[in-house]
Amino acid sequence: MAKIAAMARSHQPGLLVIDRTVGGLYENVLTPEQEIPDEPLGHPWESCLTMGTGWSYRADDSYKSARTLIHMLIDIVAKGGNFLLNIGPSPDVNLHPKALSACARWAPGCP
């Protein structure tokens, strides 16, 4: 990892590295997956969460409501984090109508 990070930073000095498997020197941003920490982490972090129950599209998935997503966003930002929200597209590259409905309530103009 040291060689890869050094080579990449020689081309882009301010590059952030997120090595979720090793941690330490090569993990500039912590990425709790599918969870929101109970307390601020004291280090740059991003919660990686799904709008449904998994990372990929499922025709019969249940989606978080706009209210839940907004509460999650507020909780994450209040603790100094960033919110990465995954919405898995269908095989024909569309979003499930339930996901679009929640998205439209949360962010007017959402496709």
PDB file of N, CA and C in Angstrom:
ATOM      1  N   MET A   1       0.814  -1.189   0.000  1.00  0.00           N
ATOM      2  CA  MET A   1       0.000   0.000   0.000  1.00  0.00           C
ATOM      3  C   MET A   1       0.864   1.261   0.000  1.00  0.00           C
ATOM      4  N   ALA A   2       1.983   1.223   0.695  1.00  0.00           N
ATOM      5  CA  ALA A   2       2.861   2.391   0.747  1.00  0.00           C
ATOM      6  C   ALA A   2       3.326   2.784  -0.650  1.00  0.00           C
ATOM      7  N   LYS A   3       3.692   1.817  -1.484  1.00  0.00           N
ATOM      8  CA  LYS A   3       4.153   2.109  -2.840  1.00  0.00           C
ATOM      9  C   LYS A   3       3.035   2.693  -3.689  1.00  0.00           C
ATOM     10  N   ILE A   4       1.844   2.126  -3.572  1.00  0.00           N
ATOM     11  CA  ILE A   4       0.702   2.613  -4.362  1.00  0.00           C
ATOM     12  C   ILE A   4       0.351   4.043  -3.949  1.00  0.00           C
ATOM     13  N   ALA A   5       0.261   4.301  -2.645  1.00  0.00           N
ATOM     14  CA  ALA A   5      -0.071   5.642  -2.155  1.00  0.00           C
ATOM     15  C   ALA A   5       0.991   6.658  -2.574  1.00  0.00           C
ATOM     16  N   ALA A   6       2.263   6.292  -2.462  1.00  0.00           N
ATOM     17  CA  ALA A   6       3.347   7.203  -2.831  1.00  0.00           C
ATOM     18  C   ALA A   6       3.300   7.521  -4.326  1.00  0.00           C
ATOM     19  N   MET A   7       3.084   6.517  -5.150  1.00  0.00           N
ATOM     20  CA  MET A   7       3.013   6.722  -6.597  1.00  0.00           C
ATOM     21  C   MET A   7       1.830   7.622  -6.935  1.00  0.00           C
ATOM     22  N   ALA A   8       0.664   7.346  -6.372  1.00  0.00           N
ATOM     23  CA  ALA A   8      -0.530   8.140  -6.657  1.00  0.00           C
ATOM     24  C   ALA A   8      -0.345   9.585  -6.191  1.00  0.00           C
ATOM     25  N   ARG A   9       0.223   9.767  -4.990  1.00  0.00           N
ATOM     26  CA  ARG A   9       0.421  11.116  -4.457  1.00  0.00           C
ATOM     27  C   ARG A   9       1.526  11.872  -5.194  1.00  0.00           C
ATOM     28  N   SER A  10       2.428  11.157  -5.897  1.00  0.00           N
ATOM     29  CA  SER A  10       3.435  11.854  -6.700  1.00  0.00           C
ATOM     30  C   SER A  10       2.767  12.547  -7.890  1.00  0.00           C
ATOM     31  N   HIS A  11       1.622  12.021  -8.329  1.00  0.00           N
ATOM     32  CA  HIS A  11       0.864  12.612  -9.433  1.00  0.00           C
ATOM     33  C   HIS A  11      -0.201  13.585  -8.938  1.00  0.00           C
ATOM     34  N   GLN A  12      -0.701  13.344  -7.731  1.00  0.00           N
ATOM     35  CA  GLN A  12      -1.750  14.186  -7.145  1.00  0.00           C
ATOM     36  C   GLN A  12      -1.464  14.309  -5.651  1.00  0.00           C
ATOM     37  N   PRO A  13      -0.663  15.306  -5.264  1.00  0.00           N
ATOM     38  CA  PRO A  13      -0.178  15.416  -3.886  1.00  0.00           C
ATOM     39  C   PRO A  13      -1.240  15.439  -2.791  1.00  0.00           C
ATOM     40  N   GLY A  14      -2.404  16.008  -3.034  1.00  0.00           N
ATOM     41  CA  GLY A  14      -3.436  16.091  -1.998  1.00  0.00           C
ATOM     42  C   GLY A  14      -4.375  14.906  -1.966  1.00  0.00           C
ATOM     43  N   LEU A  15      -4.036  13.840  -2.672  1.00  0.00           N
ATOM     44  CA  LEU A  15      -4.909  12.678  -2.791  1.00  0.00           C
ATOM     45  C   LEU A  15      -5.241  12.064  -1.441  1.00  0.00           C
ATOM     46  N   LEU A  16      -6.526  11.778  -1.227  1.00  0.00           N
ATOM     47  CA  LEU A  16      -6.957  11.054  -0.032  1.00  0.00           C
ATOM     48  C   LEU A  16      -6.994   9.568  -0.357  1.00  0.00           C
ATOM     49  N   VAL A  17      -6.585   8.766   0.586  1.00  0.00           N
ATOM     50  CA  VAL A  17      -6.609   7.318   0.417  1.00  0.00           C
ATOM     51  C   VAL A  17      -7.594   6.742   1.425  1.00  0.00           C
ATOM     52  N   ILE A  18      -8.449   5.863   0.942  1.00  0.00           N
ATOM     53  CA  ILE A  18      -9.401   5.209   1.834  1.00  0.00           C
ATOM     54  C   ILE A  18      -9.193   3.712   1.685  1.00  0.00           C
ATOM     55  N   ASP A  19      -8.294   3.177   2.490  1.00  0.00           N
ATOM     56  CA  ASP A  19      -8.019   1.743   2.482  1.00  0.00           C
ATOM     57  C   ASP A  19      -8.778   1.128   3.653  1.00  0.00           C
ATOM     58  N   ARG A  20      -9.966   0.667   3.376  1.00  0.00           N
ATOM     59  CA  ARG A  20     -10.852   0.161   4.418  1.00  0.00           C
ATOM     60  C   ARG A  20     -10.392  -1.169   5.008  1.00  0.00           C
ATOM     61  N   THR A  21      -9.456  -1.827   4.362  1.00  0.00           N
ATOM     62  CA  THR A  21      -9.046  -3.141   4.852  1.00  0.00           C
ATOM     63  C   THR A  21      -7.863  -3.087   5.801  1.00  0.00           C
ATOM     64  N   VAL A  22      -7.050  -2.038   5.715  1.00  0.00           N
ATOM     65  CA  VAL A  22      -5.833  -1.970   6.518  1.00  0.00           C
ATOM     66  C   VAL A  22      -5.960  -0.962   7.653  1.00  0.00           C
ATOM     67  N   GLY A  23      -6.494   0.221   7.355  1.00  0.00           N
ATOM     68  CA  GLY A  23      -6.607   1.271   8.358  1.00  0.00           C
ATOM     69  C   GLY A  23      -5.269   1.940   8.601  1.00  0.00           C
ATOM     70  N   GLY A  24      -5.235   2.840   9.582  1.00  0.00           N
ATOM     71  CA  GLY A  24      -3.987   3.504   9.935  1.00  0.00           C
ATOM     72  C   GLY A  24      -3.558   4.533   8.915  1.00  0.00           C
ATOM     73  N   LEU A  25      -2.287   4.521   8.556  1.00  0.00           N
ATOM     74  CA  LEU A  25      -1.668   5.520   7.696  1.00  0.00           C
ATOM     75  C   LEU A  25      -2.387   5.701   6.361  1.00  0.00           C
ATOM     76  N   TYR A  26      -2.987   4.673   5.830  1.00  0.00           N
ATOM     77  CA  TYR A  26      -3.609   4.739   4.508  1.00  0.00           C
ATOM     78  C   TYR A  26      -5.128   4.757   4.580  1.00  0.00           C
ATOM     79  N   GLU A  27      -5.652   5.242   5.667  1.00  0.00           N
ATOM     80  CA  GLU A  27      -7.103   5.408   5.782  1.00  0.00           C
ATOM     81  C   GLU A  27      -7.354   6.843   6.224  1.00  0.00           C
ATOM     82  N   ASN A  28      -7.383   7.760   5.244  1.00  0.00           N
ATOM     83  CA  ASN A  28      -7.586   9.182   5.539  1.00  0.00           C
ATOM     84  C   ASN A  28      -9.023   9.487   5.954  1.00  0.00           C
ATOM     85  N   VAL A  29      -9.960   8.663   5.532  1.00  0.00           N
ATOM     86  CA  VAL A  29     -11.374   8.851   5.840  1.00  0.00           C
ATOM     87  C   VAL A  29     -11.927   7.513   6.327  1.00  0.00           C
ATOM     88  N   LEU A  30     -12.546   7.511   7.505  1.00  0.00           N
ATOM     89  CA  LEU A  30     -13.182   6.294   8.011  1.00  0.00           C
ATOM     90  C   LEU A  30     -14.527   6.124   7.322  1.00  0.00           C
ATOM     91  N   THR A  31     -14.904   4.889   7.021  1.00  0.00           N
ATOM     92  CA  THR A  31     -16.142   4.653   6.284  1.00  0.00           C
ATOM     93  C   THR A  31     -16.995   3.570   6.941  1.00  0.00           C
ATOM     94  N   PRO A  32     -17.682   3.915   8.049  1.00  0.00           N
ATOM     95  CA  PRO A  32     -18.570   2.910   8.627  1.00  0.00           C
ATOM     96  C   PRO A  32     -19.660   2.557   7.617  1.00  0.00           C
ATOM     97  N   GLU A  33     -19.803   1.269   7.337  1.00  0.00           N
ATOM     98  CA  GLU A  33     -20.754   0.823   6.331  1.00  0.00           C
ATOM     99  C   GLU A  33     -22.035   0.345   6.990  1.00  0.00           C
ATOM    100  N   GLN A  34     -23.137   0.866   6.493  1.00  0.00           N
ATOM    101  CA  GLN A  34     -24.476   0.512   6.973  1.00  0.00           C
ATOM    102  C   GLN A  34     -24.673   0.829   8.452  1.00  0.00           C
ATOM    103  N   GLU A  35     -23.984   1.859   8.939  1.00  0.00           N
ATOM    104  CA  GLU A  35     -24.209   2.285  10.316  1.00  0.00           C
ATOM    105  C   GLU A  35     -23.842   3.752  10.485  1.00  0.00           C
ATOM    106  N   ILE A  36     -24.405   4.339  11.515  1.00  0.00           N
ATOM    107  CA  ILE A  36     -24.070   5.700  11.915  1.00  0.00           C
ATOM    108  C   ILE A  36     -23.454   5.582  13.297  1.00  0.00           C
ATOM    109  N   PRO A  37     -22.233   6.074  13.488  1.00  0.00           N
ATOM    110  CA  PRO A  37     -21.601   5.979  14.810  1.00  0.00           C
ATOM    111  C   PRO A  37     -22.450   6.674  15.883  1.00  0.00           C
ATOM    112  N   ASP A  38     -22.356   6.168  17.102  1.00  0.00           N
ATOM    113  CA  ASP A  38     -23.093   6.766  18.223  1.00  0.00           C
ATOM    114  C   ASP A  38     -22.548   8.131  18.599  1.00  0.00           C
ATOM    115  N   GLU A  39     -21.257   8.321  18.403  1.00  0.00           N
ATOM    116  CA  GLU A  39     -20.581   9.566  18.791  1.00  0.00           C
ATOM    117  C   GLU A  39     -19.717  10.051  17.633  1.00  0.00           C
ATOM    118  N   PRO A  40     -19.369  11.364  17.606  1.00  0.00           N
ATOM    119  CA  PRO A  40     -18.421  11.846  16.593  1.00  0.00           C
ATOM    120  C   PRO A  40     -17.118  11.039  16.673  1.00  0.00           C
ATOM    121  N   LEU A  41     -16.483  10.823  15.533  1.00  0.00           N
ATOM    122  CA  LEU A  41     -15.286   9.981  15.490  1.00  0.00           C
ATOM    123  C   LEU A  41     -13.981  10.737  15.690  1.00  0.00           C
ATOM    124  N   GLY A  42     -13.987  12.059  15.592  1.00  0.00           N
ATOM    125  CA  GLY A  42     -12.752  12.818  15.783  1.00  0.00           C
ATOM    126  C   GLY A  42     -11.776  12.663  14.632  1.00  0.00           C
ATOM    127  N   HIS A  43     -12.258  12.194  13.511  1.00  0.00           N
ATOM    128  CA  HIS A  43     -11.450  11.940  12.317  1.00  0.00           C
ATOM    129  C   HIS A  43     -12.417  12.049  11.140  1.00  0.00           C
ATOM    130  N   PRO A  44     -11.993  12.493   9.966  1.00  0.00           N
ATOM    131  CA  PRO A  44     -12.926  12.547   8.833  1.00  0.00           C
ATOM    132  C   PRO A  44     -13.583  11.184   8.586  1.00  0.00           C
ATOM    133  N   TRP A  45     -14.897  11.199   8.384  1.00  0.00           N
ATOM    134  CA  TRP A  45     -15.626   9.948   8.174  1.00  0.00           C
ATOM    135  C   TRP A  45     -16.845  10.153   7.286  1.00  0.00           C
ATOM    136  N   GLU A  46     -17.321   9.036   6.754  1.00  0.00           N
ATOM    137  CA  GLU A  46     -18.470   9.026   5.862  1.00  0.00           C
ATOM    138  C   GLU A  46     -19.259   7.754   6.121  1.00  0.00           C
ATOM    139  N   SER A  47     -20.548   7.890   6.410  1.00  0.00           N
ATOM    140  CA  SER A  47     -21.409   6.715   6.552  1.00  0.00           C
ATOM    141  C   SER A  47     -21.894   6.305   5.176  1.00  0.00           C
ATOM    142  N   CYS A  48     -21.603   5.068   4.809  1.00  0.00           N
ATOM    143  CA  CYS A  48     -22.027   4.504   3.533  1.00  0.00           C
ATOM    144  C   CYS A  48     -23.278   3.667   3.810  1.00  0.00           C
ATOM    145  N   LEU A  49     -24.431   4.175   3.380  1.00  0.00           N
ATOM    146  CA  LEU A  49     -25.704   3.538   3.689  1.00  0.00           C
ATOM    147  C   LEU A  49     -26.502   3.299   2.419  1.00  0.00           C
ATOM    148  N   THR A  50     -27.382   2.328   2.473  1.00  0.00           N
ATOM    149  CA  THR A  50     -28.242   2.038   1.329  1.00  0.00           C
ATOM    150  C   THR A  50     -29.643   2.573   1.588  1.00  0.00           C
ATOM    151  N   MET A  51     -30.316   2.962   0.506  1.00  0.00           N
ATOM    152  CA  MET A  51     -31.692   3.428   0.631  1.00  0.00           C
ATOM    153  C   MET A  51     -32.630   2.233   0.851  1.00  0.00           C
ATOM    154  N   GLY A  52     -32.266   1.100   0.285  1.00  0.00           N
ATOM    155  CA  GLY A  52     -33.031  -0.127   0.474  1.00  0.00           C
ATOM    156  C   GLY A  52     -32.362  -0.986   1.537  1.00  0.00           C
ATOM    157  N   THR A  53     -32.451  -2.305   1.358  1.00  0.00           N
ATOM    158  CA  THR A  53     -31.867  -3.219   2.335  1.00  0.00           C
ATOM    159  C   THR A  53     -30.503  -3.763   1.923  1.00  0.00           C
ATOM    160  N   GLY A  54     -30.082  -3.471   0.683  1.00  0.00           N
ATOM    161  CA  GLY A  54     -28.792  -3.960   0.209  1.00  0.00           C
ATOM    162  C   GLY A  54     -28.231  -3.042  -0.857  1.00  0.00           C
ATOM    163  N   TRP A  55     -27.029  -3.357  -1.307  1.00  0.00           N
ATOM    164  CA  TRP A  55     -26.323  -2.487  -2.255  1.00  0.00           C
ATOM    165  C   TRP A  55     -26.834  -2.597  -3.684  1.00  0.00           C
ATOM    166  N   SER A  56     -27.475  -3.680  -4.038  1.00  0.00           N
ATOM    167  CA  SER A  56     -27.927  -3.848  -5.416  1.00  0.00           C
ATOM    168  C   SER A  56     -29.452  -3.752  -5.498  1.00  0.00           C
ATOM    169  N   TYR A  57     -29.955  -3.667  -6.721  1.00  0.00           N
ATOM    170  CA  TYR A  57     -31.395  -3.559  -6.964  1.00  0.00           C
ATOM    171  C   TYR A  57     -32.096  -4.863  -6.596  1.00  0.00           C
ATOM    172  N   ARG A  58     -33.220  -4.724  -5.943  1.00  0.00           N
ATOM    173  CA  ARG A  58     -34.110  -5.853  -5.645  1.00  0.00           C
ATOM    174  C   ARG A  58     -35.523  -5.370  -5.939  1.00  0.00           C
ATOM    175  N   ALA A  59     -36.216  -6.054  -6.813  1.00  0.00           N
ATOM    176  CA  ALA A  59     -37.551  -5.623  -7.239  1.00  0.00           C
ATOM    177  C   ALA A  59     -38.514  -5.485  -6.066  1.00  0.00           C
ATOM    178  N   ASP A  60     -38.368  -6.317  -5.047  1.00  0.00           N
ATOM    179  CA  ASP A  60     -39.304  -6.301  -3.913  1.00  0.00           C
ATOM    180  C   ASP A  60     -38.697  -5.658  -2.659  1.00  0.00           C
ATOM    181  N   ASP A  61     -37.656  -4.835  -2.839  1.00  0.00           N
ATOM    182  CA  ASP A  61     -36.965  -4.228  -1.705  1.00  0.00           C
ATOM    183  C   ASP A  61     -37.875  -3.235  -0.980  1.00  0.00           C
ATOM    184  N   SER A  62     -37.586  -2.993   0.282  1.00  0.00           N
ATOM    185  CA  SER A  62     -38.265  -1.928   1.015  1.00  0.00           C
ATOM    186  C   SER A  62     -37.270  -0.777   1.153  1.00  0.00           C
ATOM    187  N   TYR A  63     -37.764   0.437   0.981  1.00  0.00           N
ATOM    188  CA  TYR A  63     -36.909   1.616   0.967  1.00  0.00           C
ATOM    189  C   TYR A  63     -37.179   2.493   2.181  1.00  0.00           C
ATOM    190  N   LYS A  64     -36.136   3.150   2.635  1.00  0.00           N
ATOM    191  CA  LYS A  64     -36.272   4.082   3.751  1.00  0.00           C
ATOM    192  C   LYS A  64     -37.114   5.272   3.296  1.00  0.00           C
ATOM    193  N   SER A  65     -37.915   5.786   4.197  1.00  0.00           N
ATOM    194  CA  SER A  65     -38.762   6.939   3.876  1.00  0.00           C
ATOM    195  C   SER A  65     -37.922   8.214   3.808  1.00  0.00           C
ATOM    196  N   ALA A  66     -38.492   9.239   3.180  1.00  0.00           N
ATOM    197  CA  ALA A  66     -37.816  10.534   3.128  1.00  0.00           C
ATOM    198  C   ALA A  66     -37.549  11.035   4.544  1.00  0.00           C
ATOM    199  N   ARG A  67     -38.493  10.847   5.441  1.00  0.00           N
ATOM    200  CA  ARG A  67     -38.329  11.282   6.835  1.00  0.00           C
ATOM    201  C   ARG A  67     -37.126  10.591   7.484  1.00  0.00           C
ATOM    202  N   THR A  68     -37.011   9.280   7.285  1.00  0.00           N
ATOM    203  CA  THR A  68     -35.885   8.527   7.840  1.00  0.00           C
ATOM    204  C   THR A  68     -34.571   9.012   7.259  1.00  0.00           C
ATOM    205  N   LEU A  69     -34.524   9.235   5.944  1.00  0.00           N
ATOM    206  CA  LEU A  69     -33.299   9.699   5.289  1.00  0.00           C
ATOM    207  C   LEU A  69     -32.876  11.072   5.807  1.00  0.00           C
ATOM    208  N   ILE A  70     -33.827  11.953   6.002  1.00  0.00           N
ATOM    209  CA  ILE A  70     -33.510  13.291   6.507  1.00  0.00           C
ATOM    210  C   ILE A  70     -32.981  13.210   7.935  1.00  0.00           C
ATOM    211  N   HIS A  71     -33.604  12.371   8.752  1.00  0.00           N
ATOM    212  CA  HIS A  71     -33.121  12.197  10.128  1.00  0.00           C
ATOM    213  C   HIS A  71     -31.710  11.602  10.143  1.00  0.00           C
ATOM    214  N   MET A  72     -31.452  10.663   9.243  1.00  0.00           N
ATOM    215  CA  MET A  72     -30.114  10.082   9.149  1.00  0.00           C
ATOM    216  C   MET A  72     -29.106  11.150   8.741  1.00  0.00           C
ATOM    217  N   LEU A  73     -29.460  11.964   7.743  1.00  0.00           N
ATOM    218  CA  LEU A  73     -28.573  13.034   7.287  1.00  0.00           C
ATOM    219  C   LEU A  73     -28.258  14.000   8.425  1.00  0.00           C
ATOM    220  N   ILE A  74     -29.265  14.416   9.150  1.00  0.00           N
ATOM    221  CA  ILE A  74     -29.060  15.345  10.269  1.00  0.00           C
ATOM    222  C   ILE A  74     -28.152  14.722  11.322  1.00  0.00           C
ATOM    223  N   ASP A  75     -28.388  13.459  11.661  1.00  0.00           N
ATOM    224  CA  ASP A  75     -27.576  12.764  12.662  1.00  0.00           C
ATOM    225  C   ASP A  75     -26.115  12.689  12.226  1.00  0.00           C
ATOM    226  N   ILE A  76     -25.887  12.336  10.968  1.00  0.00           N
ATOM    227  CA  ILE A  76     -24.523  12.203  10.440  1.00  0.00           C
ATOM    228  C   ILE A  76     -23.803  13.550  10.413  1.00  0.00           C
ATOM    229  N   VAL A  77     -24.458  14.565   9.863  1.00  0.00           N
ATOM    230  CA  VAL A  77     -23.832  15.887   9.750  1.00  0.00           C
ATOM    231  C   VAL A  77     -23.580  16.482  11.134  1.00  0.00           C
ATOM    232  N   ALA A  78     -24.512  16.276  12.065  1.00  0.00           N
ATOM    233  CA  ALA A  78     -24.334  16.799  13.426  1.00  0.00           C
ATOM    234  C   ALA A  78     -23.106  16.193  14.109  1.00  0.00           C
ATOM    235  N   LYS A  79     -22.713  15.003  13.673  1.00  0.00           N
ATOM    236  CA  LYS A  79     -21.539  14.334  14.245  1.00  0.00           C
ATOM    237  C   LYS A  79     -20.288  14.561  13.408  1.00  0.00           C
ATOM    238  N   GLY A  80     -20.393  15.438  12.392  1.00  0.00           N
ATOM    239  CA  GLY A  80     -19.224  15.793  11.591  1.00  0.00           C
ATOM    240  C   GLY A  80     -18.936  14.862  10.433  1.00  0.00           C
ATOM    241  N   GLY A  81     -19.895  14.043  10.056  1.00  0.00           N
ATOM    242  CA  GLY A  81     -19.666  13.084   8.975  1.00  0.00           C
ATOM    243  C   GLY A  81     -20.274  13.499   7.654  1.00  0.00           C
ATOM    244  N   ASN A  82     -20.038  12.686   6.644  1.00  0.00           N
ATOM    245  CA  ASN A  82     -20.596  12.835   5.316  1.00  0.00           C
ATOM    246  C   ASN A  82     -21.524  11.646   5.077  1.00  0.00           C
ATOM    247  N   PHE A  83     -22.602  11.853   4.328  1.00  0.00           N
ATOM    248  CA  PHE A  83     -23.595  10.808   4.071  1.00  0.00           C
ATOM    249  C   PHE A  83     -23.480  10.366   2.619  1.00  0.00           C
ATOM    250  N   LEU A  84     -23.061   9.120   2.389  1.00  0.00           N
ATOM    251  CA  LEU A  84     -23.046   8.535   1.060  1.00  0.00           C
ATOM    252  C   LEU A  84     -24.248   7.606   0.990  1.00  0.00           C
ATOM    253  N   LEU A  85     -25.204   7.919   0.121  1.00  0.00           N
ATOM    254  CA  LEU A  85     -26.434   7.139   0.007  1.00  0.00           C
ATOM    255  C   LEU A  85     -26.435   6.360  -1.296  1.00  0.00           C
ATOM    256  N   ASN A  86     -26.587   5.045  -1.188  1.00  0.00           N
ATOM    257  CA  ASN A  86     -26.632   4.166  -2.359  1.00  0.00           C
ATOM    258  C   ASN A  86     -28.083   3.871  -2.707  1.00  0.00           C
ATOM    259  N   ILE A  87     -28.393   3.996  -4.001  1.00  0.00           N
ATOM    260  CA  ILE A  87     -29.685   3.556  -4.529  1.00  0.00           C
ATOM    261  C   ILE A  87     -29.351   2.688  -5.732  1.00  0.00           C
ATOM    262  N   GLY A  88     -29.567   1.384  -5.622  1.00  0.00           N
ATOM    263  CA  GLY A  88     -29.222   0.463  -6.703  1.00  0.00           C
ATOM    264  C   GLY A  88     -30.199   0.549  -7.862  1.00  0.00           C
ATOM    265  N   PRO A  89     -29.707   0.814  -9.084  1.00  0.00           N
ATOM    266  CA  PRO A  89     -30.597   0.864 -10.246  1.00  0.00           C
ATOM    267  C   PRO A  89     -30.994  -0.536 -10.699  1.00  0.00           C
ATOM    268  N   SER A  90     -32.128  -0.596 -11.379  1.00  0.00           N
ATOM    269  CA  SER A  90     -32.612  -1.863 -11.928  1.00  0.00           C
ATOM    270  C   SER A  90     -31.752  -2.267 -13.127  1.00  0.00           C
ATOM    271  N   PRO A  91     -31.932  -3.487 -13.650  1.00  0.00           N
ATOM    272  CA  PRO A  91     -31.152  -3.903 -14.823  1.00  0.00           C
ATOM    273  C   PRO A  91     -31.337  -2.982 -16.034  1.00  0.00           C
ATOM    274  N   ASP A  92     -32.500  -2.303 -16.122  1.00  0.00           N
ATOM    275  CA  ASP A  92     -32.699  -1.374 -17.244  1.00  0.00           C
ATOM    276  C   ASP A  92     -32.296   0.062 -16.868  1.00  0.00           C
ATOM    277  N   VAL A  93     -31.520   0.191 -15.799  1.00  0.00           N
ATOM    278  CA  VAL A  93     -30.905   1.439 -15.343  1.00  0.00           C
ATOM    279  C   VAL A  93     -31.936   2.479 -14.868  1.00  0.00           C
ATOM    280  N   ASN A  94     -33.023   2.004 -14.309  1.00  0.00           N
ATOM    281  CA  ASN A  94     -34.022   2.885 -13.710  1.00  0.00           C
ATOM    282  C   ASN A  94     -34.024   2.684 -12.213  1.00  0.00           C
ATOM    283  N   LEU A  95     -34.568   3.652 -11.496  1.00  0.00           N
ATOM    284  CA  LEU A  95     -34.721   3.519 -10.055  1.00  0.00           C
ATOM    285  C   LEU A  95     -36.136   3.049  -9.739  1.00  0.00           C
ATOM    286  N   HIS A  96     -36.264   2.267  -8.689  1.00  0.00           N
ATOM    287  CA  HIS A  96     -37.562   1.758  -8.268  1.00  0.00           C
ATOM    288  C   HIS A  96     -38.478   2.943  -7.960  1.00  0.00           C
ATOM    289  N   PRO A  97     -39.766   2.868  -8.338  1.00  0.00           N
ATOM    290  CA  PRO A  97     -40.689   3.976  -8.066  1.00  0.00           C
ATOM    291  C   PRO A  97     -40.733   4.386  -6.586  1.00  0.00           C
ATOM    292  N   LYS A  98     -40.606   3.443  -5.659  1.00  0.00           N
ATOM    293  CA  LYS A  98     -40.613   3.784  -4.233  1.00  0.00           C
ATOM    294  C   LYS A  98     -39.369   4.605  -3.868  1.00  0.00           C
ATOM    295  N   ALA A  99     -38.241   4.279  -4.462  1.00  0.00           N
ATOM    296  CA  ALA A  99     -37.022   5.042  -4.215  1.00  0.00           C
ATOM    297  C   ALA A  99     -37.165   6.449  -4.798  1.00  0.00           C
ATOM    298  N   LEU A 100     -37.726   6.554  -5.991  1.00  0.00           N
ATOM    299  CA  LEU A 100     -37.934   7.862  -6.613  1.00  0.00           C
ATOM    300  C   LEU A 100     -38.894   8.715  -5.806  1.00  0.00           C
ATOM    301  N   SER A 101     -39.933   8.096  -5.267  1.00  0.00           N
ATOM    302  CA  SER A 101     -40.917   8.830  -4.474  1.00  0.00           C
ATOM    303  C   SER A 101     -40.264   9.442  -3.231  1.00  0.00           C
ATOM    304  N   ALA A 102     -39.491   8.658  -2.511  1.00  0.00           N
ATOM    305  CA  ALA A 102     -38.798   9.167  -1.313  1.00  0.00           C
ATOM    306  C   ALA A 102     -37.784  10.227  -1.718  1.00  0.00           C
ATOM    307  N   CYS A 103     -37.070   9.988  -2.805  1.00  0.00           N
ATOM    308  CA  CYS A 103     -36.049  10.918  -3.283  1.00  0.00           C
ATOM    309  C   CYS A 103     -36.686  12.256  -3.649  1.00  0.00           C
ATOM    310  N   ALA A 104     -37.825  12.229  -4.318  1.00  0.00           N
ATOM    311  CA  ALA A 104     -38.496  13.460  -4.739  1.00  0.00           C
ATOM    312  C   ALA A 104     -38.965  14.276  -3.541  1.00  0.00           C
ATOM    313  N   ARG A 105     -39.370  13.592  -2.467  1.00  0.00           N
ATOM    314  CA  ARG A 105     -39.795  14.314  -1.260  1.00  0.00           C
ATOM    315  C   ARG A 105     -38.591  14.928  -0.565  1.00  0.00           C
ATOM    316  N   TRP A 106     -37.455  14.226  -0.622  1.00  0.00           N
ATOM    317  CA  TRP A 106     -36.245  14.650   0.063  1.00  0.00           C
ATOM    318  C   TRP A 106     -35.524  15.731  -0.708  1.00  0.00           C
ATOM    319  N   ALA A 107     -35.438  15.566  -2.012  1.00  0.00           N
ATOM    320  CA  ALA A 107     -34.682  16.504  -2.850  1.00  0.00           C
ATOM    321  C   ALA A 107     -35.502  16.853  -4.080  1.00  0.00           C
ATOM    322  N   PRO A 108     -36.322  17.918  -4.005  1.00  0.00           N
ATOM    323  CA  PRO A 108     -37.108  18.314  -5.171  1.00  0.00           C
ATOM    324  C   PRO A 108     -36.214  18.449  -6.406  1.00  0.00           C
ATOM    325  N   GLY A 109     -36.713  17.956  -7.521  1.00  0.00           N
ATOM    326  CA  GLY A 109     -35.930  17.976  -8.747  1.00  0.00           C
ATOM    327  C   GLY A 109     -35.172  16.681  -8.965  1.00  0.00           C
ATOM    328  N   CYS A 110     -35.248  15.771  -7.991  1.00  0.00           N
ATOM    329  CA  CYS A 110     -34.595  14.457  -8.119  1.00  0.00           C
ATOM    330  C   CYS A 110     -35.212  13.756  -9.343  1.00  0.00           C
ATOM    331  N   PRO A 111     -34.414  13.095 -10.160  1.00  0.00           N
ATOM    332  CA  PRO A 111     -34.950  12.468 -11.380  1.00  0.00           C
ATOM    333  C   PRO A 111     -36.000  11.422 -11.094  1.00  0.00           C
TER     334      PRO A 111
END
